[in-house]
Amino acid sequence: MYMKFRNLKNIREDRDIKQKEIAAMLNVSQNTYSQYETGVISLTAEVLIKLSDFYDVSIDYLLDRTDNPDRNI
């Protein structure tokens, strides 16, 4: 069973960023990034940190553990 990350996809789409662009920032293929969003491939800590920094949101938000994107720093 795959775990889709709704917030991860929504934040990218809300900012009009293509999967290809995020994939390039992460130094992965577009297909790999697509599989991150759909949960086919597990997100690593390194990828989560990069995405959290890029979007300036919490990791919990990216993982759909909260609807609050604020970072608790």
PDB file of N, CA and C in Angstrom:
ATOM      1  N   MET A   1       0.837  -1.187   0.000  1.00  0.00           N
ATOM      2  CA  MET A   1       0.000   0.000   0.000  1.00  0.00           C
ATOM      3  C   MET A   1       0.881   1.249   0.000  1.00  0.00           C
ATOM      4  N   TYR A   2       0.562   2.157  -0.881  1.00  0.00           N
ATOM      5  CA  TYR A   2       1.344   3.378  -1.001  1.00  0.00           C
ATOM      6  C   TYR A   2       0.730   4.493  -0.168  1.00  0.00           C
ATOM      7  N   MET A   3       1.594   5.386   0.270  1.00  0.00           N
ATOM      8  CA  MET A   3       1.151   6.524   1.058  1.00  0.00           C
ATOM      9  C   MET A   3       1.336   7.788   0.227  1.00  0.00           C
ATOM     10  N   LYS A   4       0.231   8.341  -0.258  1.00  0.00           N
ATOM     11  CA  LYS A   4       0.305   9.574  -1.042  1.00  0.00           C
ATOM     12  C   LYS A   4       0.484  10.751  -0.106  1.00  0.00           C
ATOM     13  N   PHE A   5       1.324  11.684  -0.512  1.00  0.00           N
ATOM     14  CA  PHE A   5       1.592  12.866   0.295  1.00  0.00           C
ATOM     15  C   PHE A   5       0.875  14.061  -0.338  1.00  0.00           C
ATOM     16  N   ARG A   6      -0.351  14.267   0.108  1.00  0.00           N
ATOM     17  CA  ARG A   6      -1.225  15.306  -0.431  1.00  0.00           C
ATOM     18  C   ARG A   6      -0.594  16.688  -0.318  1.00  0.00           C
ATOM     19  N   ASN A   7      -0.053  17.027   0.861  1.00  0.00           N
ATOM     20  CA  ASN A   7       0.529  18.361   1.048  1.00  0.00           C
ATOM     21  C   ASN A   7       1.758  18.569   0.175  1.00  0.00           C
ATOM     22  N   LEU A   8       2.547  17.543  -0.005  1.00  0.00           N
ATOM     23  CA  LEU A   8       3.747  17.649  -0.835  1.00  0.00           C
ATOM     24  C   LEU A   8       3.369  17.992  -2.272  1.00  0.00           C
ATOM     25  N   LYS A   9       2.358  17.336  -2.777  1.00  0.00           N
ATOM     26  CA  LYS A   9       1.894  17.624  -4.135  1.00  0.00           C
ATOM     27  C   LYS A   9       1.216  18.990  -4.190  1.00  0.00           C
ATOM     28  N   ASN A  10       0.356  19.282  -3.229  1.00  0.00           N
ATOM     29  CA  ASN A  10      -0.404  20.533  -3.254  1.00  0.00           C
ATOM     30  C   ASN A  10       0.489  21.761  -3.162  1.00  0.00           C
ATOM     31  N   ILE A  11       1.491  21.726  -2.300  1.00  0.00           N
ATOM     32  CA  ILE A  11       2.360  22.901  -2.161  1.00  0.00           C
ATOM     33  C   ILE A  11       3.140  23.150  -3.449  1.00  0.00           C
ATOM     34  N   ARG A  12       3.547  22.089  -4.107  1.00  0.00           N
ATOM     35  CA  ARG A  12       4.254  22.240  -5.378  1.00  0.00           C
ATOM     36  C   ARG A  12       3.326  22.844  -6.428  1.00  0.00           C
ATOM     37  N   GLU A  13       2.116  22.314  -6.516  1.00  0.00           N
ATOM     38  CA  GLU A  13       1.168  22.819  -7.506  1.00  0.00           C
ATOM     39  C   GLU A  13       0.732  24.248  -7.183  1.00  0.00           C
ATOM     40  N   ASP A  14       0.519  24.561  -5.906  1.00  0.00           N
ATOM     41  CA  ASP A  14       0.111  25.914  -5.501  1.00  0.00           C
ATOM     42  C   ASP A  14       1.154  26.953  -5.900  1.00  0.00           C
ATOM     43  N   ARG A  15       2.401  26.542  -5.956  1.00  0.00           N
ATOM     44  CA  ARG A  15       3.491  27.465  -6.312  1.00  0.00           C
ATOM     45  C   ARG A  15       3.863  27.368  -7.789  1.00  0.00           C
ATOM     46  N   ASP A  16       3.047  26.644  -8.543  1.00  0.00           N
ATOM     47  CA  ASP A  16       3.254  26.481  -9.983  1.00  0.00           C
ATOM     48  C   ASP A  16       4.651  25.980 -10.328  1.00  0.00           C
ATOM     49  N   ILE A  17       5.079  24.972  -9.590  1.00  0.00           N
ATOM     50  CA  ILE A  17       6.384  24.360  -9.823  1.00  0.00           C
ATOM     51  C   ILE A  17       6.146  22.969 -10.407  1.00  0.00           C
ATOM     52  N   LYS A  18       6.886  22.645 -11.422  1.00  0.00           N
ATOM     53  CA  LYS A  18       6.749  21.339 -12.063  1.00  0.00           C
ATOM     54  C   LYS A  18       7.606  20.300 -11.330  1.00  0.00           C
ATOM     55  N   GLN A  19       7.163  19.059 -11.400  1.00  0.00           N
ATOM     56  CA  GLN A  19       7.930  17.970 -10.790  1.00  0.00           C
ATOM     57  C   GLN A  19       9.364  17.967 -11.299  1.00  0.00           C
ATOM     58  N   LYS A  20       9.533  18.256 -12.566  1.00  0.00           N
ATOM     59  CA  LYS A  20      10.866  18.262 -13.183  1.00  0.00           C
ATOM     60  C   LYS A  20      11.792  19.261 -12.478  1.00  0.00           C
ATOM     61  N   GLU A  21      11.245  20.420 -12.090  1.00  0.00           N
ATOM     62  CA  GLU A  21      12.042  21.450 -11.423  1.00  0.00           C
ATOM     63  C   GLU A  21      12.475  20.998 -10.022  1.00  0.00           C
ATOM     64  N   ILE A  22      11.559  20.421  -9.274  1.00  0.00           N
ATOM     65  CA  ILE A  22      11.889  19.939  -7.928  1.00  0.00           C
ATOM     66  C   ILE A  22      12.872  18.778  -8.026  1.00  0.00           C
ATOM     67  N   ALA A  23      12.651  17.915  -8.995  1.00  0.00           N
ATOM     68  CA  ALA A  23      13.551  16.780  -9.195  1.00  0.00           C
ATOM     69  C   ALA A  23      14.974  17.263  -9.462  1.00  0.00           C
ATOM     70  N   ALA A  24      15.115  18.300 -10.275  1.00  0.00           N
ATOM     71  CA  ALA A  24      16.445  18.840 -10.576  1.00  0.00           C
ATOM     72  C   ALA A  24      17.092  19.401  -9.316  1.00  0.00           C
ATOM     73  N   MET A  25      16.299  20.086  -8.481  1.00  0.00           N
ATOM     74  CA  MET A  25      16.828  20.635  -7.233  1.00  0.00           C
ATOM     75  C   MET A  25      17.312  19.514  -6.298  1.00  0.00           C
ATOM     76  N   LEU A  26      16.596  18.401  -6.331  1.00  0.00           N
ATOM     77  CA  LEU A  26      16.961  17.253  -5.481  1.00  0.00           C
ATOM     78  C   LEU A  26      18.005  16.339  -6.135  1.00  0.00           C
ATOM     79  N   ASN A  27      18.319  16.624  -7.399  1.00  0.00           N
ATOM     80  CA  ASN A  27      19.269  15.818  -8.163  1.00  0.00           C
ATOM     81  C   ASN A  27      18.766  14.378  -8.345  1.00  0.00           C
ATOM     82  N   VAL A  28      17.464  14.270  -8.669  1.00  0.00           N
ATOM     83  CA  VAL A  28      16.852  12.977  -8.983  1.00  0.00           C
ATOM     84  C   VAL A  28      16.071  13.137 -10.285  1.00  0.00           C
ATOM     85  N   SER A  29      15.627  12.036 -10.843  1.00  0.00           N
ATOM     86  CA  SER A  29      14.819  12.112 -12.062  1.00  0.00           C
ATOM     87  C   SER A  29      13.404  12.567 -11.719  1.00  0.00           C
ATOM     88  N   GLN A  30      12.691  13.038 -12.738  1.00  0.00           N
ATOM     89  CA  GLN A  30      11.294  13.436 -12.542  1.00  0.00           C
ATOM     90  C   GLN A  30      10.470  12.240 -12.096  1.00  0.00           C
ATOM     91  N   ASN A  31      10.758  11.077 -12.657  1.00  0.00           N
ATOM     92  CA  ASN A  31      10.042   9.858 -12.283  1.00  0.00           C
ATOM     93  C   ASN A  31      10.247   9.522 -10.807  1.00  0.00           C
ATOM     94  N   THR A  32      11.470   9.667 -10.334  1.00  0.00           N
ATOM     95  CA  THR A  32      11.752   9.403  -8.917  1.00  0.00           C
ATOM     96  C   THR A  32      10.972  10.368  -8.044  1.00  0.00           C
ATOM     97  N   TYR A  33      10.966  11.646  -8.420  1.00  0.00           N
ATOM     98  CA  TYR A  33      10.228  12.619  -7.615  1.00  0.00           C
ATOM     99  C   TYR A  33       8.734  12.299  -7.617  1.00  0.00           C
ATOM    100  N   SER A  34       8.197  11.925  -8.759  1.00  0.00           N
ATOM    101  CA  SER A  34       6.785  11.541  -8.853  1.00  0.00           C
ATOM    102  C   SER A  34       6.484  10.390  -7.884  1.00  0.00           C
ATOM    103  N   GLN A  35       7.415   9.461  -7.799  1.00  0.00           N
ATOM    104  CA  GLN A  35       7.231   8.322  -6.897  1.00  0.00           C
ATOM    105  C   GLN A  35       7.344   8.733  -5.427  1.00  0.00           C
ATOM    106  N   TYR A  36       8.073   9.798  -5.126  1.00  0.00           N
ATOM    107  CA  TYR A  36       8.066  10.350  -3.768  1.00  0.00           C
ATOM    108  C   TYR A  36       6.670  10.857  -3.419  1.00  0.00           C
ATOM    109  N   GLU A  37       6.086  11.618  -4.334  1.00  0.00           N
ATOM    110  CA  GLU A  37       4.761  12.205  -4.080  1.00  0.00           C
ATOM    111  C   GLU A  37       3.692  11.144  -3.904  1.00  0.00           C
ATOM    112  N   THR A  38       3.792  10.067  -4.639  1.00  0.00           N
ATOM    113  CA  THR A  38       2.773   9.023  -4.558  1.00  0.00           C
ATOM    114  C   THR A  38       3.088   7.968  -3.505  1.00  0.00           C
ATOM    115  N   GLY A  39       4.254   8.057  -2.896  1.00  0.00           N
ATOM    116  CA  GLY A  39       4.612   7.124  -1.838  1.00  0.00           C
ATOM    117  C   GLY A  39       5.166   5.806  -2.319  1.00  0.00           C
ATOM    118  N   VAL A  40       5.421   5.689  -3.615  1.00  0.00           N
ATOM    119  CA  VAL A  40       6.009   4.458  -4.153  1.00  0.00           C
ATOM    120  C   VAL A  40       7.424   4.293  -3.612  1.00  0.00           C
ATOM    121  N   ILE A  41       8.149   5.403  -3.540  1.00  0.00           N
ATOM    122  CA  ILE A  41       9.498   5.423  -2.958  1.00  0.00           C
ATOM    123  C   ILE A  41       9.426   6.214  -1.656  1.00  0.00           C
ATOM    124  N   SER A  42      10.025   5.683  -0.616  1.00  0.00           N
ATOM    125  CA  SER A  42      10.033   6.376   0.675  1.00  0.00           C
ATOM    126  C   SER A  42      10.928   7.607   0.622  1.00  0.00           C
ATOM    127  N   LEU A  43      10.455   8.662   1.256  1.00  0.00           N
ATOM    128  CA  LEU A  43      11.246   9.889   1.367  1.00  0.00           C
ATOM    129  C   LEU A  43      12.349   9.685   2.396  1.00  0.00           C
ATOM    130  N   THR A  44      13.558  10.023   2.031  1.00  0.00           N
ATOM    131  CA  THR A  44      14.669   9.928   2.971  1.00  0.00           C
ATOM    132  C   THR A  44      14.712  11.189   3.829  1.00  0.00           C
ATOM    133  N   ALA A  45      15.432  11.127   4.921  1.00  0.00           N
ATOM    134  CA  ALA A  45      15.597  12.298   5.781  1.00  0.00           C
ATOM    135  C   ALA A  45      16.235  13.434   4.990  1.00  0.00           C
ATOM    136  N   GLU A  46      17.217  13.133   4.174  1.00  0.00           N
ATOM    137  CA  GLU A  46      17.906  14.154   3.378  1.00  0.00           C
ATOM    138  C   GLU A  46      16.933  14.872   2.434  1.00  0.00           C
ATOM    139  N   VAL A  47      16.088  14.105   1.752  1.00  0.00           N
ATOM    140  CA  VAL A  47      15.120  14.686   0.834  1.00  0.00           C
ATOM    141  C   VAL A  47      14.099  15.524   1.602  1.00  0.00           C
ATOM    142  N   LEU A  48      13.635  15.013   2.720  1.00  0.00           N
ATOM    143  CA  LEU A  48      12.668  15.766   3.529  1.00  0.00           C
ATOM    144  C   LEU A  48      13.238  17.096   4.008  1.00  0.00           C
ATOM    145  N   ILE A  49      14.469  17.096   4.430  1.00  0.00           N
ATOM    146  CA  ILE A  49      15.110  18.331   4.894  1.00  0.00           C
ATOM    147  C   ILE A  49      15.231  19.325   3.742  1.00  0.00           C
ATOM    148  N   LYS A  50      15.656  18.849   2.581  1.00  0.00           N
ATOM    149  CA  LYS A  50      15.787  19.736   1.419  1.00  0.00           C
ATOM    150  C   LYS A  50      14.438  20.333   1.022  1.00  0.00           C
ATOM    151  N   LEU A  51      13.390  19.505   1.013  1.00  0.00           N
ATOM    152  CA  LEU A  51      12.067  19.990   0.647  1.00  0.00           C
ATOM    153  C   LEU A  51      11.522  20.960   1.693  1.00  0.00           C
ATOM    154  N   SER A  52      11.742  20.645   2.951  1.00  0.00           N
ATOM    155  CA  SER A  52      11.305  21.521   4.036  1.00  0.00           C
ATOM    156  C   SER A  52      11.980  22.884   3.939  1.00  0.00           C
ATOM    157  N   ASP A  53      13.271  22.881   3.673  1.00  0.00           N
ATOM    158  CA  ASP A  53      14.005  24.139   3.511  1.00  0.00           C
ATOM    159  C   ASP A  53      13.551  24.892   2.259  1.00  0.00           C
ATOM    160  N   PHE A  54      13.366  24.182   1.169  1.00  0.00           N
ATOM    161  CA  PHE A  54      12.973  24.802  -0.085  1.00  0.00           C
ATOM    162  C   PHE A  54      11.615  25.495   0.033  1.00  0.00           C
ATOM    163  N   TYR A  55      10.648  24.788   0.627  1.00  0.00           N
ATOM    164  CA  TYR A  55       9.297  25.334   0.753  1.00  0.00           C
ATOM    165  C   TYR A  55       9.102  26.164   2.026  1.00  0.00           C
ATOM    166  N   ASP A  56      10.071  26.096   2.941  1.00  0.00           N
ATOM    167  CA  ASP A  56       9.981  26.777   4.235  1.00  0.00           C
ATOM    168  C   ASP A  56       8.738  26.334   5.007  1.00  0.00           C
ATOM    169  N   VAL A  57       8.568  25.023   5.086  1.00  0.00           N
ATOM    170  CA  VAL A  57       7.469  24.417   5.838  1.00  0.00           C
ATOM    171  C   VAL A  57       8.036  23.285   6.693  1.00  0.00           C
ATOM    172  N   SER A  58       7.226  22.836   7.641  1.00  0.00           N
ATOM    173  CA  SER A  58       7.675  21.749   8.512  1.00  0.00           C
ATOM    174  C   SER A  58       7.665  20.409   7.776  1.00  0.00           C
ATOM    175  N   ILE A  59       8.490  19.522   8.245  1.00  0.00           N
ATOM    176  CA  ILE A  59       8.515  18.160   7.702  1.00  0.00           C
ATOM    177  C   ILE A  59       7.190  17.465   7.999  1.00  0.00           C
ATOM    178  N   ASP A  60       6.632  17.709   9.167  1.00  0.00           N
ATOM    179  CA  ASP A  60       5.322  17.118   9.501  1.00  0.00           C
ATOM    180  C   ASP A  60       4.255  17.536   8.489  1.00  0.00           C
ATOM    181  N   TYR A  61       4.319  18.780   8.032  1.00  0.00           N
ATOM    182  CA  TYR A  61       3.373  19.246   7.018  1.00  0.00           C
ATOM    183  C   TYR A  61       3.568  18.481   5.713  1.00  0.00           C
ATOM    184  N   LEU A  62       4.802  18.301   5.292  1.00  0.00           N
ATOM    185  CA  LEU A  62       5.080  17.567   4.060  1.00  0.00           C
ATOM    186  C   LEU A  62       4.598  16.124   4.135  1.00  0.00           C
ATOM    187  N   LEU A  63       4.617  15.559   5.342  1.00  0.00           N
ATOM    188  CA  LEU A  63       4.212  14.163   5.531  1.00  0.00           C
ATOM    189  C   LEU A  63       2.735  14.027   5.897  1.00  0.00           C
ATOM    190  N   ASP A  64       1.977  15.125   5.780  1.00  0.00           N
ATOM    191  CA  ASP A  64       0.540  15.123   6.085  1.00  0.00           C
ATOM    192  C   ASP A  64       0.230  14.780   7.541  1.00  0.00           C
ATOM    193  N   ARG A  65       1.162  15.077   8.430  1.00  0.00           N
ATOM    194  CA  ARG A  65       0.937  14.827   9.856  1.00  0.00           C
ATOM    195  C   ARG A  65       0.275  16.027  10.530  1.00  0.00           C
ATOM    196  N   THR A  66       0.218  17.156   9.805  1.00  0.00           N
ATOM    197  CA  THR A  66      -0.438  18.367  10.289  1.00  0.00           C
ATOM    198  C   THR A  66      -0.886  19.189   9.089  1.00  0.00           C
ATOM    199  N   ASP A  67      -1.882  20.028   9.311  1.00  0.00           N
ATOM    200  CA  ASP A  67      -2.299  20.963   8.272  1.00  0.00           C
ATOM    201  C   ASP A  67      -1.638  22.315   8.439  1.00  0.00           C
ATOM    202  N   ASN A  68      -0.825  22.452   9.471  1.00  0.00           N
ATOM    203  CA  ASN A  68      -0.125  23.700   9.752  1.00  0.00           C
ATOM    204  C   ASN A  68       1.271  23.630   9.143  1.00  0.00           C
ATOM    205  N   PRO A  69       1.549  24.484   8.139  1.00  0.00           N
ATOM    206  CA  PRO A  69       2.855  24.421   7.489  1.00  0.00           C
ATOM    207  C   PRO A  69       3.989  25.066   8.268  1.00  0.00           C
ATOM    208  N   ASP A  70       3.656  25.797   9.355  1.00  0.00           N
ATOM    209  CA  ASP A  70       4.693  26.521  10.106  1.00  0.00           C
ATOM    210  C   ASP A  70       5.755  25.586  10.660  1.00  0.00           C
ATOM    211  N   ARG A  71       6.981  26.063  10.591  1.00  0.00           N
ATOM    212  CA  ARG A  71       8.101  25.323  11.154  1.00  0.00           C
ATOM    213  C   ARG A  71       8.234  25.661  12.628  1.00  0.00           C
ATOM    214  N   ASN A  72       8.514  24.685  13.434  1.00  0.00           N
ATOM    215  CA  ASN A  72       8.693  24.903  14.874  1.00  0.00           C
ATOM    216  C   ASN A  72      10.172  24.973  15.196  1.00  0.00           C
ATOM    217  N   ILE A  73      10.751  26.122  14.853  1.00  0.00           N
ATOM    218  CA  ILE A  73      12.199  26.300  15.083  1.00  0.00           C
ATOM    219  C   ILE A  73      12.399  27.185  16.270  1.00  0.00           C
TER     220      ILE A  73
END
